[in-house]
Protein backbone atom coordinates (compact mmCIF):
# COMPACT_ATOMS: atom_id res chain seq x y z
CA MET A 1 -164.67 10.22 46.28
CA VAL A 2 -164.28 7.59 43.86
CA ASP A 3 -160.47 6.78 42.14
CA TYR A 4 -161.38 7.63 38.35
CA ALA A 5 -158.50 6.49 36.00
CA GLN A 6 -156.43 9.13 34.79
CA ASN A 7 -154.60 9.49 31.28
CA ILE A 8 -150.73 9.69 32.64
CA LYS A 9 -147.54 9.40 30.20
CA LEU A 10 -144.27 9.96 30.52
CA PHE A 11 -142.54 13.24 28.47
CA GLY A 12 -138.76 13.16 28.83
CA GLY A 13 -138.90 11.48 32.27
CA GLU A 14 -141.93 13.41 33.55
CA ARG A 15 -144.88 12.23 34.59
CA LYS A 16 -147.92 14.30 32.91
CA VAL A 17 -151.85 13.84 33.28
CA PHE A 18 -154.18 14.69 30.26
CA ASP A 19 -156.66 17.82 31.61
CA PRO A 20 -159.98 17.35 29.82
CA ILE A 21 -160.61 21.05 30.57
CA ARG A 22 -157.61 22.44 29.34
CA LYS A 23 -157.02 19.71 26.41
CA ARG A 24 -153.42 19.23 27.19
CA TYR A 25 -150.95 16.99 29.50
CA VAL A 26 -149.96 18.83 32.60
CA ALA A 27 -146.84 17.73 34.93
CA LEU A 28 -148.65 15.36 37.83
CA THR A 29 -147.88 17.03 41.24
CA PRO A 30 -150.22 15.72 44.16
CA GLU A 31 -152.32 18.72 43.82
CA GLU A 32 -152.83 18.18 40.15
CA ARG A 33 -153.68 14.71 40.85
CA VAL A 34 -156.84 15.81 43.28
CA ARG A 35 -157.34 18.65 40.76
CA GLN A 36 -158.11 16.00 38.50
CA GLN A 37 -160.03 13.58 40.61
CA PHE A 38 -162.12 16.25 41.09
CA ILE A 39 -162.51 17.65 37.82
CA ARG A 40 -163.95 13.65 36.77
CA PHE A 41 -165.96 13.87 39.61
CA LEU A 42 -168.04 17.14 38.87
CA LEU A 43 -168.08 15.65 35.19
CA ASP A 44 -168.92 12.39 35.97
CA GLU A 45 -170.85 12.19 38.95
CA ARG A 46 -172.52 15.82 39.38
CA GLY A 47 -172.86 16.61 35.72
CA PHE A 48 -170.92 19.92 35.25
CA PRO A 49 -170.44 20.93 31.26
CA ALA A 50 -166.87 20.68 30.91
CA GLY A 51 -167.19 23.81 28.35
CA LEU A 52 -168.58 25.49 31.48
CA MET A 53 -165.36 24.92 33.95
CA MET A 54 -162.07 26.86 33.45
CA VAL A 55 -159.17 25.42 35.44
CA GLU A 56 -156.10 27.95 36.91
CA HIS A 57 -158.40 30.68 36.39
CA ALA A 58 -156.54 33.86 36.88
CA LEU A 59 -157.93 36.46 38.91
CA LYS A 60 -157.01 39.83 41.06
CA VAL A 61 -157.14 39.75 44.68
CA ASN A 62 -155.89 42.85 46.34
CA GLY A 63 -154.11 43.87 43.38
CA MET A 64 -152.09 40.85 43.19
CA SER A 65 -152.53 37.68 40.38
CA ARG A 66 -153.92 34.73 41.69
CA ARG A 67 -155.19 31.13 40.00
CA CYS A 68 -158.49 29.59 41.44
CA ASP A 69 -158.14 25.71 40.88
CA ILE A 70 -161.32 25.25 39.12
CA VAL A 71 -164.13 27.37 38.56
CA ALA A 72 -167.40 26.56 37.38
CA CYS A 73 -170.14 28.54 35.55
CA THR A 74 -174.07 28.86 34.65
CA ARG A 75 -175.00 28.62 31.18
CA ALA A 76 -174.75 32.56 30.95
CA GLY A 77 -171.13 32.02 31.42
CA THR A 78 -171.63 33.88 35.54
CA PRO A 79 -169.20 31.89 37.87
CA LEU A 80 -171.24 29.59 40.12
CA LEU A 81 -168.19 27.56 41.69
CA LEU A 82 -165.21 28.10 42.88
CA VAL A 83 -162.76 24.90 44.20
CA GLU A 84 -159.71 24.92 45.94
CA CYS A 85 -157.58 21.74 45.47
CA LYS A 86 -154.97 21.00 48.29
CA ALA A 87 -151.97 17.91 48.20
CA PRO A 88 -153.12 14.68 50.00
CA GLY A 89 -152.61 15.04 53.49
CA VAL A 90 -153.09 18.62 53.84
CA ARG A 91 -155.26 19.65 56.54
CA ILE A 92 -158.33 21.19 55.61
CA GLY A 93 -159.20 24.14 57.87
CA ASP A 94 -159.12 27.78 58.44
CA GLU A 95 -156.22 29.09 56.02
CA ALA A 96 -157.83 26.86 53.06
CA PHE A 97 -161.24 28.63 53.60
CA ALA A 98 -159.67 31.68 53.65
CA GLN A 99 -157.70 31.49 50.82
CA ALA A 100 -161.05 30.50 48.83
CA ALA A 101 -162.66 32.68 50.81
CA ARG A 102 -160.29 35.52 49.56
CA TYR A 103 -160.87 34.16 46.02
CA ASN A 104 -164.14 34.73 46.02
CA ILE A 105 -164.25 38.38 46.61
CA SER A 106 -163.33 38.91 43.31
CA LEU A 107 -165.38 36.27 41.66
CA CYS A 108 -168.55 36.32 44.53
CA VAL A 109 -169.67 32.87 43.25
CA PRO A 110 -172.64 31.34 45.70
CA TYR A 111 -170.83 28.01 46.10
CA LEU A 112 -167.47 27.33 47.70
CA ALA A 113 -165.68 23.66 47.86
CA ILE A 114 -162.55 22.67 48.94
CA THR A 115 -160.67 19.25 48.85
CA ASN A 116 -157.80 17.32 49.45
CA GLY A 117 -159.12 14.48 47.71
CA SER A 118 -159.92 12.13 50.85
CA ALA A 119 -161.83 15.02 52.19
CA SER A 120 -164.22 17.56 50.60
CA TYR A 121 -166.54 20.41 51.89
CA CYS A 122 -169.05 22.33 50.08
CA CYS A 123 -170.99 25.46 51.29
CA ARG A 124 -173.67 28.19 50.07
CA ILE A 125 -173.04 31.30 50.10
CA CYS A 126 -176.16 33.59 50.61
CA PHE A 127 -174.97 36.92 50.18
CA ASP A 128 -178.36 38.81 50.88
CA ALA A 129 -178.45 36.82 54.11
CA GLY A 130 -174.87 37.13 54.98
CA SER A 131 -174.92 33.65 55.78
CA ILE A 132 -172.95 30.33 54.95
CA GLU A 133 -174.16 27.13 54.62
CA PHE A 134 -172.31 23.64 54.52
CA LEU A 135 -174.07 21.11 52.51
CA LYS A 136 -174.12 17.43 53.50
CA ASP A 137 -173.55 16.59 49.74
CA PHE A 138 -172.21 17.96 46.89
CA PRO A 139 -174.97 19.57 44.57
CA ALA A 140 -175.62 18.61 40.66
CA TYR A 141 -175.32 20.96 37.98
CA ALA A 142 -178.94 20.65 37.42
CA ASP A 143 -179.88 21.92 40.40
CA ILE A 144 -177.69 24.92 40.88
CA GLY A 145 -176.38 26.17 37.33
């Protein structure tokens, strides 16, 4: 993934980054840096419309409140893609995929992605066939939206 320039400012000694989806500055944590880089990738490289994306989208999983890092929707407003972001250096393994899958129980999106900034994975879920297909390349919005 390209290292996209980010709008970072100091507020009272705390570094914050501008989130173009939430339209405000948020604390610049390692995970937030990955999230903002992936948002730029979706917007700039894959053509996802900013107006159809949600960040830290609240949902209920087994009665507990959770937040998805990024959810992108179709033009009709149906959730299409769920992205789980991890801090750099966090290994992407079974636990990360299990977390995304738990979140997807509520959303039922056909595309799941997980990234830590240096490694990114995307899969398509075929609910009818009960299968998961890992994709070699991340799809463009025009191809799936």
